[in-house]
């Protein structure tokens, strides 16, 4: 509980300082929001797709894949070799997160089979042998 309170105060301060920063630049708010929201929304979609489409996906792959995708996008944008306009940054970073997360998940620990049953497209509910028979879906 204490940690949650600290996080709330921290992110509240980050939000407030961000608002002061935007106000001090004298620029419009919309381009600022598009720039920074695409840095988070694209990887968020990539993490969702990773969890739904890749049965081998794990937390390390999702975390480090999204961090690397944001880093590549931010550094590439600053260097000028990944300079996508507006919302297209999210369209680039979502599949990049999916790809990097999949690759990282291949070299890290595989999740237990029972922990992903019913969570991906490739493991529908009712296939878990540890699940009680009355909770399993009928086949056929």
C-alpha atoms as a PDB file:
ATOM      1  CA  UNK A   1       0.000   0.000   0.000  1.00  0.00           C
ATOM      2  CA  UNK A   2       2.814   2.379   0.874  1.00  0.00           C
ATOM      3  CA  UNK A   3       4.555   1.747  -2.459  1.00  0.00           C
ATOM      4  CA  UNK A   4       1.336   2.564  -4.342  1.00  0.00           C
ATOM      5  CA  UNK A   5       1.069   5.865  -2.529  1.00  0.00           C
ATOM      6  CA  UNK A   6       4.657   6.706  -3.429  1.00  0.00           C
ATOM      7  CA  UNK A   7       3.963   5.880  -7.087  1.00  0.00           C
ATOM      8  CA  UNK A   8       0.857   8.078  -7.092  1.00  0.00           C
ATOM      9  CA  UNK A   9       2.831  11.024  -5.716  1.00  0.00           C
ATOM     10  CA  UNK A  10       5.698  10.382  -8.163  1.00  0.00           C
ATOM     11  CA  UNK A  11       3.492  10.201 -11.273  1.00  0.00           C
ATOM     12  CA  UNK A  12       1.471  13.181 -10.082  1.00  0.00           C
ATOM     13  CA  UNK A  13       4.689  15.191  -9.886  1.00  0.00           C
ATOM     14  CA  UNK A  14       5.767  13.949 -13.330  1.00  0.00           C
ATOM     15  CA  UNK A  15       2.419  15.008 -14.781  1.00  0.00           C
ATOM     16  CA  UNK A  16       2.548  18.407 -13.133  1.00  0.00           C
ATOM     17  CA  UNK A  17       6.129  19.044 -14.249  1.00  0.00           C
ATOM     18  CA  UNK A  18       5.209  17.935 -17.772  1.00  0.00           C
ATOM     19  CA  UNK A  19       2.352  20.436 -17.813  1.00  0.00           C
ATOM     20  CA  UNK A  20       4.705  23.212 -16.708  1.00  0.00           C
ATOM     21  CA  UNK A  21       7.210  22.170 -19.382  1.00  0.00           C
ATOM     22  CA  UNK A  22       4.609  22.273 -22.148  1.00  0.00           C
ATOM     23  CA  UNK A  23       3.369  25.653 -20.946  1.00  0.00           C
ATOM     24  CA  UNK A  24       6.918  27.044 -20.911  1.00  0.00           C
ATOM     25  CA  UNK A  25       7.668  25.982 -24.501  1.00  0.00           C
ATOM     26  CA  UNK A  26       4.851  28.069 -25.922  1.00  0.00           C
ATOM     27  CA  UNK A  27       3.958  25.305 -28.377  1.00  0.00           C
ATOM     28  CA  UNK A  28       0.534  23.843 -29.004  1.00  0.00           C
ATOM     29  CA  UNK A  29      -0.496  20.990 -26.759  1.00  0.00           C
ATOM     30  CA  UNK A  30      -1.682  18.592 -29.482  1.00  0.00           C
ATOM     31  CA  UNK A  31       1.705  17.917 -31.140  1.00  0.00           C
ATOM     32  CA  UNK A  32       3.226  17.362 -27.703  1.00  0.00           C
ATOM     33  CA  UNK A  33       0.494  14.864 -26.800  1.00  0.00           C
ATOM     34  CA  UNK A  34       0.810  13.027 -30.105  1.00  0.00           C
ATOM     35  CA  UNK A  35       4.571  12.723 -29.712  1.00  0.00           C
ATOM     36  CA  UNK A  36       4.529  11.312 -26.202  1.00  0.00           C
ATOM     37  CA  UNK A  37       1.343   9.261 -26.402  1.00  0.00           C
ATOM     38  CA  UNK A  38       2.678   7.359 -29.418  1.00  0.00           C
ATOM     39  CA  UNK A  39       5.745   6.425 -27.377  1.00  0.00           C
ATOM     40  CA  UNK A  40       3.486   4.556 -24.963  1.00  0.00           C
ATOM     41  CA  UNK A  41       0.433   3.484 -26.975  1.00  0.00           C
ATOM     42  CA  UNK A  42       2.351   1.633 -29.702  1.00  0.00           C
ATOM     43  CA  UNK A  43       4.293  -0.554 -27.267  1.00  0.00           C
ATOM     44  CA  UNK A  44       1.103  -1.104 -25.259  1.00  0.00           C
ATOM     45  CA  UNK A  45      -0.590  -2.510 -28.369  1.00  0.00           C
ATOM     46  CA  UNK A  46       2.549  -4.555 -29.066  1.00  0.00           C
ATOM     47  CA  UNK A  47       2.434  -6.066 -25.560  1.00  0.00           C
ATOM     48  CA  UNK A  48      -1.242  -6.941 -26.016  1.00  0.00           C
ATOM     49  CA  UNK A  49      -0.565  -8.605 -29.374  1.00  0.00           C
ATOM     50  CA  UNK A  50       2.435 -10.418 -27.903  1.00  0.00           C
ATOM     51  CA  UNK A  51       0.301 -11.862 -25.130  1.00  0.00           C
ATOM     52  CA  UNK A  52      -2.526 -12.904 -27.441  1.00  0.00           C
ATOM     53  CA  UNK A  53      -0.539 -14.209 -30.405  1.00  0.00           C
ATOM     54  CA  UNK A  54       2.628 -15.704 -28.906  1.00  0.00           C
ATOM     55  CA  UNK A  55       2.109 -18.649 -26.518  1.00  0.00           C
ATOM     56  CA  UNK A  56       5.769 -18.558 -25.485  1.00  0.00           C
ATOM     57  CA  UNK A  57       5.609 -14.868 -24.490  1.00  0.00           C
ATOM     58  CA  UNK A  58       6.692 -14.060 -20.962  1.00  0.00           C
ATOM     59  CA  UNK A  59       7.089 -11.031 -18.748  1.00  0.00           C
ATOM     60  CA  UNK A  60      10.741 -10.478 -19.607  1.00  0.00           C
ATOM     61  CA  UNK A  61       9.965 -10.458 -23.323  1.00  0.00           C
ATOM     62  CA  UNK A  62       7.080  -8.027 -22.884  1.00  0.00           C
ATOM     63  CA  UNK A  63       9.011  -5.686 -20.590  1.00  0.00           C
ATOM     64  CA  UNK A  64      12.336  -5.571 -22.391  1.00  0.00           C
ATOM     65  CA  UNK A  65      10.717  -5.703 -25.843  1.00  0.00           C
ATOM     66  CA  UNK A  66       8.665  -2.602 -25.074  1.00  0.00           C
ATOM     67  CA  UNK A  67      11.615  -0.775 -23.472  1.00  0.00           C
ATOM     68  CA  UNK A  68      13.812  -1.523 -26.492  1.00  0.00           C
ATOM     69  CA  UNK A  69      11.085  -0.478 -28.932  1.00  0.00           C
ATOM     70  CA  UNK A  70      10.631   2.872 -27.165  1.00  0.00           C
ATOM     71  CA  UNK A  71      14.411   3.375 -27.016  1.00  0.00           C
ATOM     72  CA  UNK A  72      14.820   2.568 -30.722  1.00  0.00           C
ATOM     73  CA  UNK A  73      11.948   4.877 -31.612  1.00  0.00           C
ATOM     74  CA  UNK A  74      13.204   7.741 -29.423  1.00  0.00           C
ATOM     75  CA  UNK A  75      16.836   7.463 -30.528  1.00  0.00           C
ATOM     76  CA  UNK A  76      15.882   6.917 -34.158  1.00  0.00           C
ATOM     77  CA  UNK A  77      13.598   9.949 -34.055  1.00  0.00           C
ATOM     78  CA  UNK A  78      16.343  12.129 -32.602  1.00  0.00           C
ATOM     79  CA  UNK A  79      18.883  10.891 -35.158  1.00  0.00           C
ATOM     80  CA  UNK A  80      16.448  11.402 -38.029  1.00  0.00           C
ATOM     81  CA  UNK A  81      16.448   7.845 -39.391  1.00  0.00           C
ATOM     82  CA  UNK A  82      13.074   6.943 -37.864  1.00  0.00           C
ATOM     83  CA  UNK A  83      11.267  10.211 -38.286  1.00  0.00           C
ATOM     84  CA  UNK A  84       7.627   9.171 -38.675  1.00  0.00           C
ATOM     85  CA  UNK A  85       4.912  11.815 -38.628  1.00  0.00           C
ATOM     86  CA  UNK A  86       2.387  11.859 -35.789  1.00  0.00           C
ATOM     87  CA  UNK A  87       0.525   8.688 -34.956  1.00  0.00           C
ATOM     88  CA  UNK A  88       2.620   6.598 -37.372  1.00  0.00           C
ATOM     89  CA  UNK A  89       5.180   6.201 -34.590  1.00  0.00           C
ATOM     90  CA  UNK A  90       2.683   3.971 -32.780  1.00  0.00           C
ATOM     91  CA  UNK A  91       2.047   2.016 -35.978  1.00  0.00           C
ATOM     92  CA  UNK A  92       5.782   1.344 -36.195  1.00  0.00           C
ATOM     93  CA  UNK A  93       6.436   0.634 -32.528  1.00  0.00           C
ATOM     94  CA  UNK A  94       3.598  -1.903 -32.042  1.00  0.00           C
ATOM     95  CA  UNK A  95       5.006  -4.525 -34.448  1.00  0.00           C
ATOM     96  CA  UNK A  96       8.532  -3.664 -33.287  1.00  0.00           C
ATOM     97  CA  UNK A  97       7.498  -4.447 -29.700  1.00  0.00           C
ATOM     98  CA  UNK A  98       5.866  -7.681 -30.880  1.00  0.00           C
ATOM     99  CA  UNK A  99       9.005  -8.727 -32.763  1.00  0.00           C
ATOM    100  CA  UNK A 100      11.471  -7.799 -30.010  1.00  0.00           C
ATOM    101  CA  UNK A 101       9.271  -9.296 -27.291  1.00  0.00           C
ATOM    102  CA  UNK A 102       8.993 -12.548 -29.245  1.00  0.00           C
ATOM    103  CA  UNK A 103      12.752 -12.746 -29.756  1.00  0.00           C
ATOM    104  CA  UNK A 104      13.496 -12.006 -26.109  1.00  0.00           C
ATOM    105  CA  UNK A 105      10.880 -14.552 -25.015  1.00  0.00           C
ATOM    106  CA  UNK A 106      12.661 -17.184 -27.112  1.00  0.00           C
ATOM    107  CA  UNK A 107      15.866 -16.834 -25.096  1.00  0.00           C
ATOM    108  CA  UNK A 108      14.277 -16.498 -21.651  1.00  0.00           C
ATOM    109  CA  UNK A 109      12.319 -18.893 -19.474  1.00  0.00           C
ATOM    110  CA  UNK A 110       9.235 -20.464 -21.060  1.00  0.00           C
ATOM    111  CA  UNK A 111       6.012 -19.913 -19.083  1.00  0.00           C
ATOM    112  CA  UNK A 112       4.379 -23.009 -17.612  1.00  0.00           C
ATOM    113  CA  UNK A 113       1.814 -24.508 -19.986  1.00  0.00           C
ATOM    114  CA  UNK A 114      -0.987 -24.265 -17.432  1.00  0.00           C
ATOM    115  CA  UNK A 115      -0.347 -20.557 -16.931  1.00  0.00           C
ATOM    116  CA  UNK A 116      -1.179 -19.620 -20.542  1.00  0.00           C
ATOM    117  CA  UNK A 117      -4.152 -21.896 -21.213  1.00  0.00           C
ATOM    118  CA  UNK A 118      -7.062 -19.817 -22.389  1.00  0.00           C
ATOM    119  CA  UNK A 119      -4.964 -16.673 -22.734  1.00  0.00           C
ATOM    120  CA  UNK A 120      -3.668 -17.015 -26.296  1.00  0.00           C
ATOM    121  CA  UNK A 121      -5.342 -17.854 -29.578  1.00  0.00           C
ATOM    122  CA  UNK A 122      -3.374 -21.101 -29.686  1.00  0.00           C
ATOM    123  CA  UNK A 123      -4.510 -22.438 -26.305  1.00  0.00           C
ATOM    124  CA  UNK A 124      -8.300 -22.223 -25.920  1.00  0.00           C
ATOM    125  CA  UNK A 125      -9.931 -22.761 -22.514  1.00  0.00           C
ATOM    126  CA  UNK A 126     -10.677 -26.347 -21.550  1.00  0.00           C
ATOM    127  CA  UNK A 127      -7.325 -27.786 -22.635  1.00  0.00           C
ATOM    128  CA  UNK A 128      -5.737 -27.587 -19.201  1.00  0.00           C
ATOM    129  CA  UNK A 129      -5.414 -31.081 -17.742  1.00  0.00           C
ATOM    130  CA  UNK A 130      -5.147 -29.579 -14.247  1.00  0.00           C
ATOM    131  CA  UNK A 131      -8.518 -27.818 -14.647  1.00  0.00           C
ATOM    132  CA  UNK A 132     -11.451 -29.624 -12.975  1.00  0.00           C
ATOM    133  CA  UNK A 133     -13.630 -31.574 -15.405  1.00  0.00           C
ATOM    134  CA  UNK A 134     -16.768 -29.589 -14.521  1.00  0.00           C
ATOM    135  CA  UNK A 135     -15.049 -26.352 -15.599  1.00  0.00           C
ATOM    136  CA  UNK A 136     -13.749 -27.688 -18.916  1.00  0.00           C
ATOM    137  CA  UNK A 137     -15.597 -26.849 -22.103  1.00  0.00           C
ATOM    138  CA  UNK A 138     -17.254 -29.745 -23.902  1.00  0.00           C
ATOM    139  CA  UNK A 139     -15.524 -30.701 -27.116  1.00  0.00           C
ATOM    140  CA  UNK A 140     -17.228 -31.151 -30.433  1.00  0.00           C
END
